[in-house]
Amino acid sequence: MHTIVYVYRLAPERVDDFVEIQRAAAQIYVEHGALDDETLLAVDLSPRYGCRGFADALGAGDDAVLIGLARFRDRAHHDEVMGRVNDDPRIDALFEQVSQVVDIGAVALGEFRRIV
């Protein structure tokens, strides 16, 4: 399994706008073959069990924190699907919208391979 992880920080009053955009983007990803595309809204980022809290680790302050997960069979499947997604004109329009809601330069992105 190959998973793309996005970490978003945004003003709490922008969450509904962001979710609407993400819902449309997820539909496009799945339409083009992604196994899944989901967005999670943080509900508790406080430290516990001796661990540092996400809010502190991210320097989130009062920002809402959301995590996006896009899943693919493997890296080759990811590349194939993303080629189609990036060629879809709807994704460009959604990117323009999301860049009005989120500071794209502050979004954290990583690719992960399941090992367990």
N, C-alpha and C. Protein backbone atom coordinates (compact mmCIF):
# COMPACT_ATOMS: atom_id res chain seq x y z
N MET A 1 0.85 -1.18 0.00
CA MET A 1 0.00 0.00 0.00
C MET A 1 0.89 1.23 0.00
N HIS A 2 0.56 2.17 -0.84
CA HIS A 2 1.29 3.45 -0.95
C HIS A 2 0.30 4.54 -0.54
N THR A 3 0.66 5.34 0.44
CA THR A 3 -0.24 6.37 0.95
C THR A 3 0.43 7.73 0.90
N ILE A 4 -0.31 8.70 0.40
CA ILE A 4 0.13 10.08 0.42
C ILE A 4 -0.55 10.74 1.62
N VAL A 5 0.23 11.41 2.45
CA VAL A 5 -0.28 12.06 3.65
C VAL A 5 -0.06 13.57 3.52
N TYR A 6 -1.13 14.31 3.71
CA TYR A 6 -1.08 15.77 3.73
C TYR A 6 -1.48 16.22 5.12
N VAL A 7 -0.78 17.20 5.67
CA VAL A 7 -1.17 17.80 6.95
C VAL A 7 -1.46 19.28 6.67
N TYR A 8 -2.70 19.66 6.97
CA TYR A 8 -3.18 21.02 6.72
C TYR A 8 -3.43 21.74 8.04
N ARG A 9 -3.07 23.00 8.09
CA ARG A 9 -3.43 23.88 9.20
C ARG A 9 -4.18 25.04 8.60
N LEU A 10 -5.35 25.34 9.16
CA LEU A 10 -6.12 26.47 8.64
C LEU A 10 -6.98 27.07 9.73
N ALA A 11 -7.45 28.26 9.46
CA ALA A 11 -8.32 28.95 10.41
C ALA A 11 -9.60 28.13 10.60
N PRO A 12 -10.05 27.97 11.84
CA PRO A 12 -11.25 27.16 12.10
C PRO A 12 -12.46 27.59 11.28
N GLU A 13 -12.60 28.87 11.00
CA GLU A 13 -13.77 29.34 10.24
C GLU A 13 -13.69 28.95 8.77
N ARG A 14 -12.56 28.41 8.31
CA ARG A 14 -12.41 28.00 6.91
C ARG A 14 -12.60 26.49 6.73
N VAL A 15 -12.81 25.76 7.81
CA VAL A 15 -12.90 24.30 7.73
C VAL A 15 -14.03 23.86 6.80
N ASP A 16 -15.22 24.44 6.90
CA ASP A 16 -16.33 24.02 6.05
C ASP A 16 -16.01 24.22 4.57
N ASP A 17 -15.39 25.36 4.23
CA ASP A 17 -14.98 25.60 2.84
C ASP A 17 -13.98 24.55 2.38
N PHE A 18 -13.01 24.26 3.24
CA PHE A 18 -11.98 23.28 2.92
C PHE A 18 -12.59 21.90 2.70
N VAL A 19 -13.49 21.50 3.57
CA VAL A 19 -14.12 20.18 3.46
C VAL A 19 -14.88 20.05 2.15
N GLU A 20 -15.57 21.09 1.76
CA GLU A 20 -16.31 21.06 0.49
C GLU A 20 -15.36 20.84 -0.69
N ILE A 21 -14.24 21.52 -0.68
CA ILE A 21 -13.25 21.36 -1.75
C ILE A 21 -12.65 19.96 -1.71
N GLN A 22 -12.29 19.50 -0.53
CA GLN A 22 -11.70 18.17 -0.38
C GLN A 22 -12.66 17.06 -0.82
N ARG A 23 -13.93 17.24 -0.53
CA ARG A 23 -14.92 16.24 -0.94
C ARG A 23 -14.93 16.10 -2.46
N ALA A 24 -14.89 17.23 -3.16
CA ALA A 24 -14.87 17.21 -4.63
C ALA A 24 -13.56 16.60 -5.15
N ALA A 25 -12.44 16.95 -4.52
CA ALA A 25 -11.15 16.41 -4.95
C ALA A 25 -11.09 14.90 -4.72
N ALA A 26 -11.59 14.44 -3.59
CA ALA A 26 -11.59 13.00 -3.29
C ALA A 26 -12.37 12.23 -4.35
N GLN A 27 -13.47 12.78 -4.79
CA GLN A 27 -14.27 12.13 -5.83
C GLN A 27 -13.46 11.98 -7.11
N ILE A 28 -12.68 13.00 -7.46
CA ILE A 28 -11.85 12.95 -8.66
C ILE A 28 -10.76 11.90 -8.51
N TYR A 29 -10.10 11.87 -7.36
CA TYR A 29 -9.05 10.87 -7.12
C TYR A 29 -9.60 9.46 -7.27
N VAL A 30 -10.73 9.18 -6.64
CA VAL A 30 -11.32 7.85 -6.69
C VAL A 30 -11.82 7.52 -8.10
N GLU A 31 -12.39 8.51 -8.76
CA GLU A 31 -12.84 8.34 -10.15
C GLU A 31 -11.69 7.88 -11.04
N HIS A 32 -10.50 8.39 -10.78
CA HIS A 32 -9.35 8.07 -11.61
C HIS A 32 -8.56 6.86 -11.09
N GLY A 33 -9.07 6.20 -10.05
CA GLY A 33 -8.49 4.93 -9.64
C GLY A 33 -7.87 4.84 -8.27
N ALA A 34 -7.80 5.94 -7.50
CA ALA A 34 -7.27 5.85 -6.14
C ALA A 34 -8.13 4.86 -5.35
N LEU A 35 -7.51 4.11 -4.47
CA LEU A 35 -8.25 3.16 -3.65
C LEU A 35 -9.14 3.88 -2.66
N ASP A 36 -8.65 5.01 -2.17
CA ASP A 36 -9.39 5.77 -1.17
C ASP A 36 -8.77 7.16 -1.07
N ASP A 37 -9.57 8.11 -0.68
CA ASP A 37 -9.08 9.45 -0.40
C ASP A 37 -9.96 9.99 0.72
N GLU A 38 -9.37 10.23 1.86
CA GLU A 38 -10.16 10.70 2.99
C GLU A 38 -9.47 11.86 3.68
N THR A 39 -10.27 12.65 4.36
CA THR A 39 -9.77 13.79 5.12
C THR A 39 -10.24 13.64 6.56
N LEU A 40 -9.33 13.81 7.49
CA LEU A 40 -9.62 13.66 8.91
C LEU A 40 -9.46 15.02 9.59
N LEU A 41 -10.41 15.36 10.45
CA LEU A 41 -10.34 16.58 11.24
C LEU A 41 -9.90 16.23 12.65
N ALA A 42 -8.85 16.87 13.12
CA ALA A 42 -8.34 16.63 14.47
C ALA A 42 -9.38 17.06 15.50
N VAL A 43 -9.60 16.21 16.49
CA VAL A 43 -10.54 16.54 17.55
C VAL A 43 -9.84 16.68 18.91
N ASP A 44 -8.64 16.14 19.02
CA ASP A 44 -7.88 16.28 20.27
C ASP A 44 -6.40 16.15 19.93
N LEU A 45 -5.66 17.21 20.09
CA LEU A 45 -4.24 17.22 19.77
C LEU A 45 -3.36 17.39 21.00
N SER A 46 -3.96 17.17 22.16
CA SER A 46 -3.23 17.40 23.41
C SER A 46 -2.24 16.27 23.68
N PRO A 47 -1.17 16.60 24.43
CA PRO A 47 -0.18 15.57 24.77
C PRO A 47 -0.73 14.60 25.81
N ARG A 48 -0.32 13.36 25.71
CA ARG A 48 -0.63 12.35 26.73
C ARG A 48 0.21 11.11 26.50
N TYR A 49 0.20 10.22 27.48
CA TYR A 49 1.00 8.99 27.45
C TYR A 49 2.49 9.27 27.30
N GLY A 50 2.91 10.46 27.71
CA GLY A 50 4.31 10.83 27.60
C GLY A 50 4.70 11.34 26.21
N CYS A 51 3.72 11.41 25.31
CA CYS A 51 3.98 11.88 23.94
C CYS A 51 3.71 13.37 23.83
N ARG A 52 4.39 13.99 22.92
CA ARG A 52 4.16 15.39 22.59
C ARG A 52 2.85 15.50 21.82
N GLY A 53 2.08 16.53 22.05
CA GLY A 53 0.83 16.72 21.34
C GLY A 53 1.07 17.24 19.92
N PHE A 54 0.20 16.87 19.00
CA PHE A 54 0.31 17.31 17.62
C PHE A 54 0.30 18.83 17.50
N ALA A 55 -0.54 19.50 18.27
CA ALA A 55 -0.64 20.96 18.17
C ALA A 55 0.72 21.59 18.43
N ASP A 56 1.43 21.12 19.45
CA ASP A 56 2.76 21.64 19.76
C ASP A 56 3.75 21.26 18.66
N ALA A 57 3.70 20.01 18.22
CA ALA A 57 4.65 19.53 17.21
C ALA A 57 4.50 20.31 15.90
N LEU A 58 3.27 20.69 15.58
CA LEU A 58 3.02 21.41 14.33
C LEU A 58 3.07 22.92 14.49
N GLY A 59 3.12 23.39 15.72
CA GLY A 59 3.03 24.83 15.95
C GLY A 59 1.69 25.35 15.49
N ALA A 60 0.64 24.56 15.73
CA ALA A 60 -0.69 24.86 15.19
C ALA A 60 -1.41 25.98 15.92
N GLY A 61 -1.04 26.24 17.16
CA GLY A 61 -1.74 27.28 17.90
C GLY A 61 -3.24 27.03 17.90
N ASP A 62 -4.02 28.01 17.45
CA ASP A 62 -5.48 27.88 17.42
C ASP A 62 -5.99 27.36 16.07
N ASP A 63 -5.09 27.02 15.16
CA ASP A 63 -5.51 26.53 13.84
C ASP A 63 -6.20 25.18 13.96
N ALA A 64 -7.12 24.94 13.03
CA ALA A 64 -7.68 23.61 12.87
C ALA A 64 -6.63 22.77 12.14
N VAL A 65 -6.53 21.51 12.49
CA VAL A 65 -5.58 20.60 11.84
C VAL A 65 -6.37 19.49 11.17
N LEU A 66 -6.07 19.27 9.89
CA LEU A 66 -6.71 18.20 9.12
C LEU A 66 -5.62 17.38 8.46
N ILE A 67 -5.90 16.10 8.29
CA ILE A 67 -4.97 15.21 7.61
C ILE A 67 -5.70 14.59 6.43
N GLY A 68 -5.06 14.63 5.27
CA GLY A 68 -5.59 13.99 4.08
C GLY A 68 -4.79 12.73 3.79
N LEU A 69 -5.49 11.66 3.45
CA LEU A 69 -4.85 10.39 3.12
C LEU A 69 -5.36 9.91 1.77
N ALA A 70 -4.46 9.73 0.83
CA ALA A 70 -4.81 9.19 -0.48
C ALA A 70 -4.08 7.86 -0.62
N ARG A 71 -4.82 6.79 -0.90
CA ARG A 71 -4.22 5.45 -0.90
C ARG A 71 -4.23 4.84 -2.30
N PHE A 72 -3.13 4.12 -2.56
CA PHE A 72 -2.92 3.47 -3.85
C PHE A 72 -2.33 2.08 -3.60
N ARG A 73 -2.44 1.20 -4.57
CA ARG A 73 -1.90 -0.16 -4.41
C ARG A 73 -0.39 -0.13 -4.16
N ASP A 74 0.32 0.67 -4.95
CA ASP A 74 1.77 0.78 -4.85
C ASP A 74 2.19 2.07 -5.55
N ARG A 75 3.49 2.30 -5.62
CA ARG A 75 3.99 3.55 -6.21
C ARG A 75 3.61 3.66 -7.69
N ALA A 76 3.68 2.55 -8.42
CA ALA A 76 3.33 2.57 -9.85
C ALA A 76 1.86 2.94 -10.04
N HIS A 77 0.99 2.39 -9.20
CA HIS A 77 -0.43 2.72 -9.26
C HIS A 77 -0.64 4.19 -8.94
N HIS A 78 0.06 4.70 -7.94
CA HIS A 78 0.01 6.12 -7.60
C HIS A 78 0.35 6.98 -8.82
N ASP A 79 1.48 6.65 -9.46
CA ASP A 79 1.93 7.45 -10.60
C ASP A 79 0.91 7.42 -11.74
N GLU A 80 0.33 6.27 -11.98
CA GLU A 80 -0.69 6.12 -13.02
C GLU A 80 -1.93 6.96 -12.71
N VAL A 81 -2.43 6.83 -11.50
CA VAL A 81 -3.63 7.57 -11.09
C VAL A 81 -3.36 9.07 -11.09
N MET A 82 -2.25 9.48 -10.53
CA MET A 82 -1.95 10.90 -10.44
C MET A 82 -1.74 11.53 -11.81
N GLY A 83 -1.25 10.76 -12.76
CA GLY A 83 -1.15 11.27 -14.12
C GLY A 83 -2.52 11.65 -14.67
N ARG A 84 -3.51 10.78 -14.40
CA ARG A 84 -4.88 11.08 -14.85
C ARG A 84 -5.49 12.23 -14.05
N VAL A 85 -5.26 12.24 -12.75
CA VAL A 85 -5.79 13.32 -11.92
C VAL A 85 -5.23 14.67 -12.38
N ASN A 86 -3.93 14.72 -12.58
CA ASN A 86 -3.30 15.98 -12.97
C ASN A 86 -3.74 16.46 -14.36
N ASP A 87 -4.21 15.55 -15.19
CA ASP A 87 -4.71 15.93 -16.52
C ASP A 87 -6.18 16.34 -16.48
N ASP A 88 -6.84 16.17 -15.35
CA ASP A 88 -8.26 16.49 -15.22
C ASP A 88 -8.41 17.98 -14.91
N PRO A 89 -9.06 18.74 -15.78
CA PRO A 89 -9.18 20.19 -15.55
C PRO A 89 -9.92 20.56 -14.27
N ARG A 90 -10.74 19.66 -13.75
CA ARG A 90 -11.46 19.95 -12.50
C ARG A 90 -10.50 20.11 -11.33
N ILE A 91 -9.38 19.38 -11.36
CA ILE A 91 -8.45 19.45 -10.24
C ILE A 91 -7.75 20.81 -10.20
N ASP A 92 -7.50 21.40 -11.36
CA ASP A 92 -6.90 22.74 -11.40
C ASP A 92 -7.82 23.77 -10.76
N ALA A 93 -9.10 23.68 -11.07
CA ALA A 93 -10.07 24.62 -10.48
C ALA A 93 -10.13 24.45 -8.97
N LEU A 94 -10.10 23.20 -8.50
CA LEU A 94 -10.14 22.95 -7.06
C LEU A 94 -8.85 23.43 -6.38
N PHE A 95 -7.72 23.29 -7.05
CA PHE A 95 -6.47 23.78 -6.48
C PHE A 95 -6.53 25.29 -6.29
N GLU A 96 -7.09 25.98 -7.26
CA GLU A 96 -7.24 27.43 -7.14
C GLU A 96 -8.11 27.78 -5.93
N GLN A 97 -9.20 27.03 -5.75
CA GLN A 97 -10.09 27.27 -4.61
C GLN A 97 -9.39 27.00 -3.29
N VAL A 98 -8.71 25.87 -3.21
CA VAL A 98 -8.09 25.49 -1.93
C VAL A 98 -6.96 26.46 -1.58
N SER A 99 -6.29 27.02 -2.58
CA SER A 99 -5.21 27.95 -2.29
C SER A 99 -5.73 29.26 -1.70
N GLN A 100 -7.04 29.49 -1.81
CA GLN A 100 -7.66 30.66 -1.17
C GLN A 100 -8.03 30.38 0.29
N VAL A 101 -8.05 29.10 0.65
CA VAL A 101 -8.48 28.69 1.98
C VAL A 101 -7.29 28.29 2.85
N VAL A 102 -6.25 27.73 2.23
CA VAL A 102 -5.10 27.19 2.94
C VAL A 102 -3.82 27.81 2.37
N ASP A 103 -2.85 28.07 3.24
CA ASP A 103 -1.53 28.49 2.78
C ASP A 103 -0.83 27.23 2.27
N ILE A 104 -0.81 27.05 0.95
CA ILE A 104 -0.25 25.83 0.35
C ILE A 104 1.20 25.61 0.79
N GLY A 105 1.95 26.68 0.95
CA GLY A 105 3.34 26.55 1.37
C GLY A 105 3.50 26.00 2.78
N ALA A 106 2.44 26.03 3.56
CA ALA A 106 2.49 25.51 4.93
C ALA A 106 1.95 24.08 5.04
N VAL A 107 1.47 23.53 3.93
CA VAL A 107 0.96 22.16 3.92
C VAL A 107 2.15 21.21 3.94
N ALA A 108 2.11 20.22 4.84
CA ALA A 108 3.15 19.20 4.88
C ALA A 108 2.69 18.01 4.05
N LEU A 109 3.60 17.43 3.29
CA LEU A 109 3.28 16.33 2.38
C LEU A 109 4.33 15.24 2.53
N GLY A 110 3.88 14.01 2.53
CA GLY A 110 4.82 12.88 2.58
C GLY A 110 4.19 11.67 1.93
N GLU A 111 5.06 10.78 1.42
CA GLU A 111 4.62 9.52 0.84
C GLU A 111 5.11 8.40 1.74
N PHE A 112 4.22 7.44 2.00
CA PHE A 112 4.53 6.36 2.92
C PHE A 112 4.16 5.01 2.30
N ARG A 113 4.95 4.00 2.63
CA ARG A 113 4.68 2.63 2.20
C ARG A 113 4.36 1.82 3.45
N ARG A 114 3.27 1.06 3.38
CA ARG A 114 2.89 0.22 4.53
C ARG A 114 3.95 -0.85 4.73
N ILE A 115 4.39 -1.02 5.99
CA ILE A 115 5.37 -2.06 6.31
C ILE A 115 4.84 -3.07 7.31
N VAL A 116 3.74 -2.76 7.98
CA VAL A 116 3.13 -3.70 8.92
C VAL A 116 1.65 -3.79 8.59
